[in-house]
Amino acid sequence: MENDSDFILLDVRRLDEFQAGHIPGAVLLTNETMTEESVAAVLPNKSQKIYVYCRSGHRSKIASRKLADWGYTNVIEIGGIRQYTGTVEK
């Protein structure tokens, strides 16, 4: 991800978790409430590279599977923010 410039960073945690601290530049789409329509409104380009993360990696795996099922072709699940060592924004 550090060497990429054309991607979307997708945080699939709850709003309260996102507000407590997220990776800079991340877009929030809560895994539990994401639908094909809500995702399409935020991510219209199905070939766009999308990095997906959550807290520990469980929800990001589920969300990545949903995205693939909905036709997204360049989804990269990167696990959880617990392993992230960079700065976070609130």
PDB file of N, CA and C in Angstrom:
ATOM      1  N   MET A   1       0.820  -1.191   0.000  1.00  0.00           N
ATOM      2  CA  MET A   1       0.000   0.000   0.000  1.00  0.00           C
ATOM      3  C   MET A   1       0.868   1.262   0.000  1.00  0.00           C
ATOM      4  N   GLU A   2       2.005   1.194   0.661  1.00  0.00           N
ATOM      5  CA  GLU A   2       2.890   2.360   0.723  1.00  0.00           C
ATOM      6  C   GLU A   2       3.368   2.799  -0.650  1.00  0.00           C
ATOM      7  N   ASN A   3       3.506   1.862  -1.577  1.00  0.00           N
ATOM      8  CA  ASN A   3       4.033   2.173  -2.899  1.00  0.00           C
ATOM      9  C   ASN A   3       2.932   2.412  -3.928  1.00  0.00           C
ATOM     10  N   ASP A   4       1.684   2.348  -3.508  1.00  0.00           N
ATOM     11  CA  ASP A   4       0.552   2.580  -4.398  1.00  0.00           C
ATOM     12  C   ASP A   4       0.068   4.016  -4.280  1.00  0.00           C
ATOM     13  N   SER A   5      -0.512   4.521  -5.355  1.00  0.00           N
ATOM     14  CA  SER A   5      -1.074   5.870  -5.296  1.00  0.00           C
ATOM     15  C   SER A   5      -2.521   5.918  -5.772  1.00  0.00           C
ATOM     16  N   ASP A   6      -2.957   4.909  -6.496  1.00  0.00           N
ATOM     17  CA  ASP A   6      -4.301   4.931  -7.049  1.00  0.00           C
ATOM     18  C   ASP A   6      -5.137   3.810  -6.437  1.00  0.00           C
ATOM     19  N   PHE A   7      -5.633   4.042  -5.236  1.00  0.00           N
ATOM     20  CA  PHE A   7      -6.422   3.042  -4.535  1.00  0.00           C
ATOM     21  C   PHE A   7      -7.391   3.720  -3.573  1.00  0.00           C
ATOM     22  N   ILE A   8      -8.326   2.925  -3.095  1.00  0.00           N
ATOM     23  CA  ILE A   8      -9.247   3.371  -2.044  1.00  0.00           C
ATOM     24  C   ILE A   8      -8.956   2.519  -0.825  1.00  0.00           C
ATOM     25  N   LEU A   9      -8.869   3.155   0.316  1.00  0.00           N
ATOM     26  CA  LEU A   9      -8.665   2.457   1.581  1.00  0.00           C
ATOM     27  C   LEU A   9     -10.017   2.398   2.278  1.00  0.00           C
ATOM     28  N   LEU A  10     -10.532   1.206   2.468  1.00  0.00           N
ATOM     29  CA  LEU A  10     -11.880   1.022   2.979  1.00  0.00           C
ATOM     30  C   LEU A  10     -11.842   0.457   4.393  1.00  0.00           C
ATOM     31  N   ASP A  11     -12.387   1.218   5.332  1.00  0.00           N
ATOM     32  CA  ASP A  11     -12.534   0.804   6.727  1.00  0.00           C
ATOM     33  C   ASP A  11     -13.947   0.255   6.881  1.00  0.00           C
ATOM     34  N   VAL A  12     -14.085  -0.981   7.341  1.00  0.00           N
ATOM     35  CA  VAL A  12     -15.407  -1.595   7.434  1.00  0.00           C
ATOM     36  C   VAL A  12     -15.854  -1.788   8.890  1.00  0.00           C
ATOM     37  N   ARG A  13     -15.264  -1.012   9.798  1.00  0.00           N
ATOM     38  CA  ARG A  13     -15.669  -1.078  11.206  1.00  0.00           C
ATOM     39  C   ARG A  13     -16.919  -0.237  11.442  1.00  0.00           C
ATOM     40  N   ARG A  14     -17.371  -0.217  12.698  1.00  0.00           N
ATOM     41  CA  ARG A  14     -18.514   0.622  13.073  1.00  0.00           C
ATOM     42  C   ARG A  14     -18.076   2.087  13.131  1.00  0.00           C
ATOM     43  N   LEU A  15     -19.066   2.985  13.059  1.00  0.00           N
ATOM     44  CA  LEU A  15     -18.794   4.423  13.088  1.00  0.00           C
ATOM     45  C   LEU A  15     -18.024   4.824  14.339  1.00  0.00           C
ATOM     46  N   ASP A  16     -18.400   4.314  15.508  1.00  0.00           N
ATOM     47  CA  ASP A  16     -17.705   4.689  16.746  1.00  0.00           C
ATOM     48  C   ASP A  16     -16.241   4.256  16.720  1.00  0.00           C
ATOM     49  N   GLU A  17     -15.956   3.111  16.115  1.00  0.00           N
ATOM     50  CA  GLU A  17     -14.568   2.655  15.998  1.00  0.00           C
ATOM     51  C   GLU A  17     -13.791   3.555  15.047  1.00  0.00           C
ATOM     52  N   PHE A  18     -14.417   3.904  13.929  1.00  0.00           N
ATOM     53  CA  PHE A  18     -13.802   4.793  12.941  1.00  0.00           C
ATOM     54  C   PHE A  18     -13.483   6.146  13.574  1.00  0.00           C
ATOM     55  N   GLN A  19     -14.430   6.691  14.320  1.00  0.00           N
ATOM     56  CA  GLN A  19     -14.235   7.995  14.955  1.00  0.00           C
ATOM     57  C   GLN A  19     -13.162   7.957  16.036  1.00  0.00           C
ATOM     58  N   ALA A  20     -12.962   6.805  16.654  1.00  0.00           N
ATOM     59  CA  ALA A  20     -11.928   6.674  17.695  1.00  0.00           C
ATOM     60  C   ALA A  20     -10.525   6.688  17.102  1.00  0.00           C
ATOM     61  N   GLY A  21     -10.412   6.403  15.811  1.00  0.00           N
ATOM     62  CA  GLY A  21      -9.123   6.441  15.134  1.00  0.00           C
ATOM     63  C   GLY A  21      -9.104   5.543  13.923  1.00  0.00           C
ATOM     64  N   HIS A  22      -8.715   6.104  12.787  1.00  0.00           N
ATOM     65  CA  HIS A  22      -8.648   5.354  11.543  1.00  0.00           C
ATOM     66  C   HIS A  22      -7.394   5.733  10.771  1.00  0.00           C
ATOM     67  N   ILE A  23      -7.047   4.899   9.809  1.00  0.00           N
ATOM     68  CA  ILE A  23      -5.885   5.173   8.969  1.00  0.00           C
ATOM     69  C   ILE A  23      -6.209   6.384   8.096  1.00  0.00           C
ATOM     70  N   PRO A  24      -5.304   7.363   8.024  1.00  0.00           N
ATOM     71  CA  PRO A  24      -5.566   8.560   7.228  1.00  0.00           C
ATOM     72  C   PRO A  24      -5.990   8.235   5.796  1.00  0.00           C
ATOM     73  N   GLY A  25      -7.030   8.913   5.346  1.00  0.00           N
ATOM     74  CA  GLY A  25      -7.536   8.733   3.998  1.00  0.00           C
ATOM     75  C   GLY A  25      -8.564   7.624   3.850  1.00  0.00           C
ATOM     76  N   ALA A  26      -8.838   6.908   4.925  1.00  0.00           N
ATOM     77  CA  ALA A  26      -9.792   5.790   4.846  1.00  0.00           C
ATOM     78  C   ALA A  26     -11.219   6.290   4.650  1.00  0.00           C
ATOM     79  N   VAL A  27     -11.989   5.478   3.937  1.00  0.00           N
ATOM     80  CA  VAL A  27     -13.408   5.707   3.703  1.00  0.00           C
ATOM     81  C   VAL A  27     -14.165   4.671   4.532  1.00  0.00           C
ATOM     82  N   LEU A  28     -15.212   5.092   5.212  1.00  0.00           N
ATOM     83  CA  LEU A  28     -15.975   4.183   6.059  1.00  0.00           C
ATOM     84  C   LEU A  28     -17.180   3.618   5.326  1.00  0.00           C
ATOM     85  N   LEU A  29     -17.291   2.295   5.325  1.00  0.00           N
ATOM     86  CA  LEU A  29     -18.491   1.573   4.892  1.00  0.00           C
ATOM     87  C   LEU A  29     -18.640   0.413   5.867  1.00  0.00           C
ATOM     88  N   THR A  30     -19.509   0.546   6.817  1.00  0.00           N
ATOM     89  CA  THR A  30     -19.656  -0.447   7.873  1.00  0.00           C
ATOM     90  C   THR A  30     -20.077  -1.798   7.304  1.00  0.00           C
ATOM     91  N   ASN A  31     -19.313  -2.830   7.617  1.00  0.00           N
ATOM     92  CA  ASN A  31     -19.562  -4.159   7.084  1.00  0.00           C
ATOM     93  C   ASN A  31     -20.984  -4.639   7.352  1.00  0.00           C
ATOM     94  N   GLU A  32     -21.464  -4.452   8.563  1.00  0.00           N
ATOM     95  CA  GLU A  32     -22.768  -4.981   8.948  1.00  0.00           C
ATOM     96  C   GLU A  32     -23.925  -4.345   8.187  1.00  0.00           C
ATOM     97  N   THR A  33     -23.731  -3.146   7.679  1.00  0.00           N
ATOM     98  CA  THR A  33     -24.830  -2.455   7.000  1.00  0.00           C
ATOM     99  C   THR A  33     -24.583  -2.242   5.510  1.00  0.00           C
ATOM    100  N   MET A  34     -23.439  -2.692   4.989  1.00  0.00           N
ATOM    101  CA  MET A  34     -23.164  -2.458   3.574  1.00  0.00           C
ATOM    102  C   MET A  34     -24.090  -3.305   2.698  1.00  0.00           C
ATOM    103  N   THR A  35     -24.573  -2.640   1.661  1.00  0.00           N
ATOM    104  CA  THR A  35     -25.386  -3.302   0.648  1.00  0.00           C
ATOM    105  C   THR A  35     -24.717  -3.056  -0.701  1.00  0.00           C
ATOM    106  N   GLU A  36     -25.138  -3.776  -1.680  1.00  0.00           N
ATOM    107  CA  GLU A  36     -24.569  -3.571  -3.013  1.00  0.00           C
ATOM    108  C   GLU A  36     -24.796  -2.137  -3.476  1.00  0.00           C
ATOM    109  N   GLU A  37     -25.959  -1.577  -3.150  1.00  0.00           N
ATOM    110  CA  GLU A  37     -26.282  -0.206  -3.561  1.00  0.00           C
ATOM    111  C   GLU A  37     -25.447   0.820  -2.796  1.00  0.00           C
ATOM    112  N   SER A  38     -25.279   0.640  -1.486  1.00  0.00           N
ATOM    113  CA  SER A  38     -24.501   1.612  -0.710  1.00  0.00           C
ATOM    114  C   SER A  38     -23.035   1.585  -1.123  1.00  0.00           C
ATOM    115  N   VAL A  39     -22.536   0.417  -1.455  1.00  0.00           N
ATOM    116  CA  VAL A  39     -21.152   0.297  -1.905  1.00  0.00           C
ATOM    117  C   VAL A  39     -20.991   0.961  -3.272  1.00  0.00           C
ATOM    118  N   ALA A  40     -21.920   0.722  -4.179  1.00  0.00           N
ATOM    119  CA  ALA A  40     -21.834   1.297  -5.525  1.00  0.00           C
ATOM    120  C   ALA A  40     -21.847   2.823  -5.490  1.00  0.00           C
ATOM    121  N   ALA A  41     -22.543   3.406  -4.508  1.00  0.00           N
ATOM    122  CA  ALA A  41     -22.586   4.868  -4.389  1.00  0.00           C
ATOM    123  C   ALA A  41     -21.220   5.434  -4.009  1.00  0.00           C
ATOM    124  N   VAL A  42     -20.446   4.680  -3.238  1.00  0.00           N
ATOM    125  CA  VAL A  42     -19.135   5.142  -2.778  1.00  0.00           C
ATOM    126  C   VAL A  42     -18.015   4.633  -3.680  1.00  0.00           C
ATOM    127  N   LEU A  43     -18.198   3.446  -4.233  1.00  0.00           N
ATOM    128  CA  LEU A  43     -17.174   2.800  -5.048  1.00  0.00           C
ATOM    129  C   LEU A  43     -17.753   2.443  -6.420  1.00  0.00           C
ATOM    130  N   PRO A  44     -17.928   3.427  -7.292  1.00  0.00           N
ATOM    131  CA  PRO A  44     -18.571   3.154  -8.575  1.00  0.00           C
ATOM    132  C   PRO A  44     -17.704   2.358  -9.556  1.00  0.00           C
ATOM    133  N   ASN A  45     -16.400   2.429  -9.423  1.00  0.00           N
ATOM    134  CA  ASN A  45     -15.482   1.761 -10.346  1.00  0.00           C
ATOM    135  C   ASN A  45     -15.136   0.369  -9.802  1.00  0.00           C
ATOM    136  N   LYS A  46     -15.701  -0.658 -10.391  1.00  0.00           N
ATOM    137  CA  LYS A  46     -15.507  -2.019  -9.891  1.00  0.00           C
ATOM    138  C   LYS A  46     -14.112  -2.574 -10.154  1.00  0.00           C
ATOM    139  N   SER A  47     -13.302  -1.884 -10.954  1.00  0.00           N
ATOM    140  CA  SER A  47     -11.931  -2.345 -11.170  1.00  0.00           C
ATOM    141  C   SER A  47     -10.910  -1.535 -10.352  1.00  0.00           C
ATOM    142  N   GLN A  48     -11.378  -0.561  -9.589  1.00  0.00           N
ATOM    143  CA  GLN A  48     -10.514   0.252  -8.718  1.00  0.00           C
ATOM    144  C   GLN A  48      -9.854  -0.642  -7.665  1.00  0.00           C
ATOM    145  N   LYS A  49      -8.588  -0.420  -7.395  1.00  0.00           N
ATOM    146  CA  LYS A  49      -7.914  -1.160  -6.327  1.00  0.00           C
ATOM    147  C   LYS A  49      -8.474  -0.696  -4.989  1.00  0.00           C
ATOM    148  N   ILE A  50      -8.910  -1.646  -4.153  1.00  0.00           N
ATOM    149  CA  ILE A  50      -9.521  -1.343  -2.865  1.00  0.00           C
ATOM    150  C   ILE A  50      -8.818  -2.158  -1.786  1.00  0.00           C
ATOM    151  N   TYR A  51      -8.200  -1.476  -0.837  1.00  0.00           N
ATOM    152  CA  TYR A  51      -7.626  -2.127   0.336  1.00  0.00           C
ATOM    153  C   TYR A  51      -8.683  -2.084   1.434  1.00  0.00           C
ATOM    154  N   VAL A  52      -8.952  -3.232   2.063  1.00  0.00           N
ATOM    155  CA  VAL A  52     -10.019  -3.330   3.056  1.00  0.00           C
ATOM    156  C   VAL A  52      -9.427  -3.725   4.412  1.00  0.00           C
ATOM    157  N   TYR A  53      -9.818  -2.993   5.457  1.00  0.00           N
ATOM    158  CA  TYR A  53      -9.377  -3.349   6.808  1.00  0.00           C
ATOM    159  C   TYR A  53     -10.502  -3.152   7.820  1.00  0.00           C
ATOM    160  N   CYS A  54     -10.313  -3.776   8.984  1.00  0.00           N
ATOM    161  CA  CYS A  54     -11.247  -3.622  10.105  1.00  0.00           C
ATOM    162  C   CYS A  54     -10.418  -3.527  11.383  1.00  0.00           C
ATOM    163  N   ARG A  55     -10.882  -4.099  12.462  1.00  0.00           N
ATOM    164  CA  ARG A  55     -10.132  -4.067  13.718  1.00  0.00           C
ATOM    165  C   ARG A  55      -9.119  -5.202  13.784  1.00  0.00           C
ATOM    166  N   SER A  56      -9.590  -6.434  13.530  1.00  0.00           N
ATOM    167  CA  SER A  56      -8.712  -7.591  13.684  1.00  0.00           C
ATOM    168  C   SER A  56      -8.510  -8.395  12.403  1.00  0.00           C
ATOM    169  N   GLY A  57      -9.357  -8.188  11.407  1.00  0.00           N
ATOM    170  CA  GLY A  57      -9.244  -8.918  10.152  1.00  0.00           C
ATOM    171  C   GLY A  57     -10.463  -9.762   9.821  1.00  0.00           C
ATOM    172  N   HIS A  58     -11.311 -10.034  10.784  1.00  0.00           N
ATOM    173  CA  HIS A  58     -12.493 -10.871  10.539  1.00  0.00           C
ATOM    174  C   HIS A  58     -13.504 -10.168   9.632  1.00  0.00           C
ATOM    175  N   ARG A  59     -13.906  -8.951  10.000  1.00  0.00           N
ATOM    176  CA  ARG A  59     -14.899  -8.225   9.201  1.00  0.00           C
ATOM    177  C   ARG A  59     -14.363  -7.839   7.836  1.00  0.00           C
ATOM    178  N   SER A  60     -13.069  -7.563   7.743  1.00  0.00           N
ATOM    179  CA  SER A  60     -12.508  -7.203   6.437  1.00  0.00           C
ATOM    180  C   SER A  60     -12.539  -8.397   5.485  1.00  0.00           C
ATOM    181  N   LYS A  61     -12.383  -9.602   6.000  1.00  0.00           N
ATOM    182  CA  LYS A  61     -12.507 -10.798   5.154  1.00  0.00           C
ATOM    183  C   LYS A  61     -13.935 -10.931   4.636  1.00  0.00           C
ATOM    184  N   ILE A  62     -14.911 -10.744   5.511  1.00  0.00           N
ATOM    185  CA  ILE A  62     -16.320 -10.836   5.116  1.00  0.00           C
ATOM    186  C   ILE A  62     -16.653  -9.760   4.090  1.00  0.00           C
ATOM    187  N   ALA A  63     -16.236  -8.522   4.367  1.00  0.00           N
ATOM    188  CA  ALA A  63     -16.525  -7.411   3.457  1.00  0.00           C
ATOM    189  C   ALA A  63     -15.843  -7.621   2.106  1.00  0.00           C
ATOM    190  N   SER A  64     -14.626  -8.115   2.099  1.00  0.00           N
ATOM    191  CA  SER A  64     -13.910  -8.372   0.846  1.00  0.00           C
ATOM    192  C   SER A  64     -14.637  -9.418   0.020  1.00  0.00           C
ATOM    193  N   ARG A  65     -15.162 -10.425   0.673  1.00  0.00           N
ATOM    194  CA  ARG A  65     -15.928 -11.461  -0.022  1.00  0.00           C
ATOM    195  C   ARG A  65     -17.195 -10.866  -0.638  1.00  0.00           C
ATOM    196  N   LYS A  66     -17.872  -9.988   0.119  1.00  0.00           N
ATOM    197  CA  LYS A  66     -19.067  -9.311  -0.413  1.00  0.00           C
ATOM    198  C   LYS A  66     -18.712  -8.509  -1.661  1.00  0.00           C
ATOM    199  N   LEU A  67     -17.633  -7.736  -1.579  1.00  0.00           N
ATOM    200  CA  LEU A  67     -17.222  -6.913  -2.717  1.00  0.00           C
ATOM    201  C   LEU A  67     -16.947  -7.775  -3.946  1.00  0.00           C
ATOM    202  N   ALA A  68     -16.246  -8.875  -3.744  1.00  0.00           N
ATOM    203  CA  ALA A  68     -15.962  -9.780  -4.864  1.00  0.00           C
ATOM    204  C   ALA A  68     -17.264 -10.350  -5.431  1.00  0.00           C
ATOM    205  N   ASP A  69     -18.183 -10.721  -4.561  1.00  0.00           N
ATOM    206  CA  ASP A  69     -19.477 -11.255  -5.014  1.00  0.00           C
ATOM    207  C   ASP A  69     -20.256 -10.216  -5.821  1.00  0.00           C
ATOM    208  N   TRP A  70     -20.044  -8.934  -5.517  1.00  0.00           N
ATOM    209  CA  TRP A  70     -20.751  -7.855  -6.215  1.00  0.00           C
ATOM    210  C   TRP A  70     -19.996  -7.370  -7.456  1.00  0.00           C
ATOM    211  N   GLY A  71     -18.929  -8.062  -7.821  1.00  0.00           N
ATOM    212  CA  GLY A  71     -18.245  -7.767  -9.072  1.00  0.00           C
ATOM    213  C   GLY A  71     -16.988  -6.921  -8.967  1.00  0.00           C
ATOM    214  N   TYR A  72     -16.525  -6.600  -7.757  1.00  0.00           N
ATOM    215  CA  TYR A  72     -15.282  -5.837  -7.609  1.00  0.00           C
ATOM    216  C   TYR A  72     -14.115  -6.780  -7.848  1.00  0.00           C
ATOM    217  N   THR A  73     -13.195  -6.364  -8.700  1.00  0.00           N
ATOM    218  CA  THR A  73     -12.168  -7.281  -9.191  1.00  0.00           C
ATOM    219  C   THR A  73     -10.769  -7.037  -8.636  1.00  0.00           C
ATOM    220  N   ASN A  74     -10.580  -5.983  -7.861  1.00  0.00           N
ATOM    221  CA  ASN A  74      -9.245  -5.652  -7.376  1.00  0.00           C
ATOM    222  C   ASN A  74      -9.291  -5.333  -5.880  1.00  0.00           C
ATOM    223  N   VAL A  75      -9.814  -6.282  -5.105  1.00  0.00           N
ATOM    224  CA  VAL A  75      -9.996  -6.113  -3.664  1.00  0.00           C
ATOM    225  C   VAL A  75      -8.853  -6.808  -2.938  1.00  0.00           C
ATOM    226  N   ILE A  76      -8.216  -6.071  -2.024  1.00  0.00           N
ATOM    227  CA  ILE A  76      -7.102  -6.618  -1.259  1.00  0.00           C
ATOM    228  C   ILE A  76      -7.425  -6.456   0.219  1.00  0.00           C
ATOM    229  N   GLU A  77      -7.613  -7.564   0.892  1.00  0.00           N
ATOM    230  CA  GLU A  77      -7.927  -7.556   2.321  1.00  0.00           C
ATOM    231  C   GLU A  77      -6.603  -7.468   3.072  1.00  0.00           C
ATOM    232  N   ILE A  78      -6.461  -6.426   3.930  1.00  0.00           N
ATOM    233  CA  ILE A  78      -5.176  -6.206   4.600  1.00  0.00           C
ATOM    234  C   ILE A  78      -5.227  -6.447   6.106  1.00  0.00           C
ATOM    235  N   GLY A  79      -6.328  -7.015   6.606  1.00  0.00           N
ATOM    236  CA  GLY A  79      -6.374  -7.367   8.021  1.00  0.00           C
ATOM    237  C   GLY A  79      -6.928  -6.269   8.898  1.00  0.00           C
ATOM    238  N   GLY A  80      -6.333  -6.151  10.090  1.00  0.00           N
ATOM    239  CA  GLY A  80      -6.878  -5.241  11.090  1.00  0.00           C
ATOM    240  C   GLY A  80      -5.988  -4.081  11.449  1.00  0.00           C
ATOM    241  N   ILE A  81      -6.622  -3.035  11.931  1.00  0.00           N
ATOM    242  CA  ILE A  81      -5.894  -1.839  12.356  1.00  0.00           C
ATOM    243  C   ILE A  81      -5.040  -2.123  13.587  1.00  0.00           C
ATOM    244  N   ARG A  82      -5.354  -3.192  14.305  1.00  0.00           N
ATOM    245  CA  ARG A  82      -4.538  -3.535  15.482  1.00  0.00           C
ATOM    246  C   ARG A  82      -3.088  -3.798  15.103  1.00  0.00           C
ATOM    247  N   GLN A  83      -2.846  -4.259  13.879  1.00  0.00           N
ATOM    248  CA  GLN A  83      -1.480  -4.512  13.430  1.00  0.00           C
ATOM    249  C   GLN A  83      -0.831  -3.292  12.765  1.00  0.00           C
ATOM    250  N   TYR A  84      -1.610  -2.253  12.537  1.00  0.00           N
ATOM    251  CA  TYR A  84      -1.123  -1.048  11.854  1.00  0.00           C
ATOM    252  C   TYR A  84      -0.231  -0.254  12.806  1.00  0.00           C
ATOM    253  N   THR A  85       0.933   0.167  12.321  1.00  0.00           N
ATOM    254  CA  THR A  85       1.885   0.872  13.183  1.00  0.00           C
ATOM    255  C   THR A  85       2.036   2.357  12.836  1.00  0.00           C
ATOM    256  N   GLY A  86       1.309   2.818  11.817  1.00  0.00           N
ATOM    257  CA  GLY A  86       1.405   4.216  11.418  1.00  0.00           C
ATOM    258  C   GLY A  86       0.521   5.118  12.269  1.00  0.00           C
ATOM    259  N   THR A  87       0.417   6.359  11.851  1.00  0.00           N
ATOM    260  CA  THR A  87      -0.424   7.313  12.571  1.00  0.00           C
ATOM    261  C   THR A  87      -1.896   7.088  12.234  1.00  0.00           C
ATOM    262  N   VAL A  88      -2.745   7.482  13.152  1.00  0.00           N
ATOM    263  CA  VAL A  88      -4.188   7.410  12.930  1.00  0.00           C
ATOM    264  C   VAL A  88      -4.768   8.809  13.084  1.00  0.00           C
ATOM    265  N   GLU A  89      -5.888   9.039  12.413  1.00  0.00           N
ATOM    266  CA  GLU A  89      -6.576  10.329  12.596  1.00  0.00           C
ATOM    267  C   GLU A  89      -7.909  10.072  13.260  1.00  0.00           C
ATOM    268  N   LYS A  90      -8.360  11.111  13.949  1.00  0.00           N
ATOM    269  CA  LYS A  90      -9.648  11.026  14.660  1.00  0.00           C
ATOM    270  C   LYS A  90     -10.567  12.092  14.142  1.00  0.00           C
TER     271      LYS A  90
END
